[in-house]
Amino acid sequence: MNWSVEFLQEAVKDLKKLDHGAAVQVLKGIRKVSQNPLPAAKDGYGKPLGNQNGSRLSGLMKIKFRNLGIRVVYKIEQEGNIMIILIISVRADNEVYEEAYRRRIIHGL
């Protein structure tokens, strides 16, 4: 069962900033994970984020594209089976996670 995928406006802008090849790979990865975005403990593809270094990202998940150095951070809405993409960005220290937290607060996620 595929989950619905929704992108924050900012995440759409993030995607548009990527070169075409990277964008294709990221979309393909999101499509794969959307088949079951739950954590691996629940037989899904998701990798949970936690509250490391004061980041307060508990409840969010990530997709790592190691060969691209890109991270996608998303939130699962169990009710309605929705996967909300918060950010698509290069890892660059912890900036991607700090921005994910900021967007989470702004959008009340």
Protein backbone atom coordinates (compact mmCIF):
# COMPACT_ATOMS: atom_id res chain seq x y z
CA MET A 1 0.00 0.00 0.00
CA ASN A 2 1.48 3.34 -1.02
CA TRP A 3 1.10 6.30 1.27
CA SER A 4 0.17 9.72 -0.07
CA VAL A 5 3.16 12.05 -0.33
CA GLU A 6 2.80 15.77 0.35
CA PHE A 7 5.57 18.35 0.11
CA LEU A 8 5.85 21.56 2.10
CA GLN A 9 6.28 24.50 -0.29
CA GLU A 10 9.83 24.90 0.98
CA ALA A 11 10.58 21.24 0.16
CA VAL A 12 9.37 21.77 -3.41
CA LYS A 13 11.82 24.68 -3.68
CA ASP A 14 14.55 22.44 -2.23
CA LEU A 15 13.86 19.85 -4.90
CA LYS A 16 13.98 22.44 -7.68
CA LYS A 17 17.44 23.55 -6.51
CA LEU A 18 18.89 20.08 -7.16
CA ASP A 19 20.39 19.23 -10.52
CA HIS A 20 18.13 17.07 -12.69
CA GLY A 21 19.96 13.78 -12.05
CA ALA A 22 19.90 14.20 -8.27
CA ALA A 23 16.23 15.25 -8.33
CA VAL A 24 15.31 12.10 -10.28
CA GLN A 25 17.14 9.90 -7.75
CA VAL A 26 15.54 11.67 -4.79
CA LEU A 27 12.03 11.35 -6.23
CA LYS A 28 12.64 7.68 -6.98
CA GLY A 29 13.78 7.15 -3.38
CA ILE A 30 10.76 8.99 -1.97
CA ARG A 31 8.48 6.88 -4.16
CA LYS A 32 10.10 3.68 -2.85
CA VAL A 33 9.90 4.75 0.80
CA SER A 34 6.25 5.83 0.33
CA GLN A 35 5.38 2.15 -0.10
CA ASN A 36 5.98 1.83 3.65
CA PRO A 37 7.50 4.93 5.34
CA LEU A 38 7.22 3.43 8.83
CA PRO A 39 10.37 2.60 10.82
CA ALA A 40 12.32 -0.56 10.00
CA ALA A 41 11.08 -1.99 13.33
CA LYS A 42 7.62 -2.02 11.73
CA ASP A 43 8.92 -3.53 8.46
CA GLY A 44 9.17 -0.13 6.81
CA TYR A 45 11.95 1.80 5.08
CA GLY A 46 12.07 4.79 7.44
CA LYS A 47 14.96 5.72 9.71
CA PRO A 48 13.72 7.54 12.84
CA LEU A 49 15.33 10.76 14.02
CA GLY A 50 15.56 11.47 17.70
CA ASN A 51 16.41 14.20 20.16
CA GLN A 52 20.16 14.23 19.62
CA ASN A 53 22.22 17.29 20.52
CA GLY A 54 19.05 19.18 21.45
CA SER A 55 17.62 18.80 17.93
CA ARG A 56 14.13 17.74 19.09
CA LEU A 57 13.36 15.74 15.95
CA SER A 58 11.58 12.87 17.66
CA GLY A 59 8.69 11.66 15.52
CA LEU A 60 10.41 12.60 12.25
CA MET A 61 12.02 10.19 9.81
CA LYS A 62 14.82 10.48 7.27
CA ILE A 63 15.91 9.06 3.96
CA LYS A 64 19.66 9.10 3.34
CA PHE A 65 21.09 9.34 -0.15
CA ARG A 66 24.71 8.60 0.77
CA ASN A 67 26.09 8.83 -2.76
CA LEU A 68 24.53 12.31 -3.14
CA GLY A 69 25.08 13.52 0.42
CA ILE A 70 21.39 14.45 0.54
CA ARG A 71 18.89 13.92 3.34
CA VAL A 72 15.11 13.99 3.12
CA VAL A 73 13.29 14.55 6.40
CA TYR A 74 9.61 13.65 6.61
CA LYS A 75 6.77 13.23 9.07
CA ILE A 76 4.26 10.41 9.06
CA GLU A 77 0.58 11.18 9.54
CA GLN A 78 -0.84 7.76 10.48
CA GLU A 79 -4.38 9.01 10.12
CA GLY A 80 -4.85 9.24 6.38
CA ASN A 81 -1.55 7.48 5.57
CA ILE A 82 0.27 10.68 4.59
CA MET A 83 4.03 11.17 4.31
CA ILE A 84 4.87 14.90 4.59
CA ILE A 85 8.24 15.93 3.14
CA LEU A 86 9.70 18.76 5.26
CA ILE A 87 13.13 19.26 3.70
CA ILE A 88 15.41 17.97 0.97
CA SER A 89 18.98 19.16 1.46
CA VAL A 90 22.66 18.37 1.66
CA ARG A 91 23.55 17.23 5.15
CA ALA A 92 26.18 20.01 5.73
CA ASP A 93 26.91 19.48 9.42
CA ASN A 94 23.48 19.46 11.06
CA GLU A 95 21.96 22.32 9.08
CA VAL A 96 19.44 20.06 7.37
CA TYR A 97 18.14 18.85 10.73
CA GLU A 98 18.06 22.34 12.24
CA GLU A 99 16.05 23.57 9.24
CA ALA A 100 13.74 20.53 9.51
CA TYR A 101 13.03 21.47 13.12
CA ARG A 102 12.38 25.10 12.16
CA ARG A 103 9.93 24.09 9.41
CA ARG A 104 8.22 21.66 11.77
CA ILE A 105 7.56 24.47 14.24
CA ILE A 106 6.44 26.96 11.56
CA HIS A 107 3.97 24.48 10.05
CA GLY A 108 2.80 23.01 13.37
CA LEU A 109 3.95 19.51 12.58
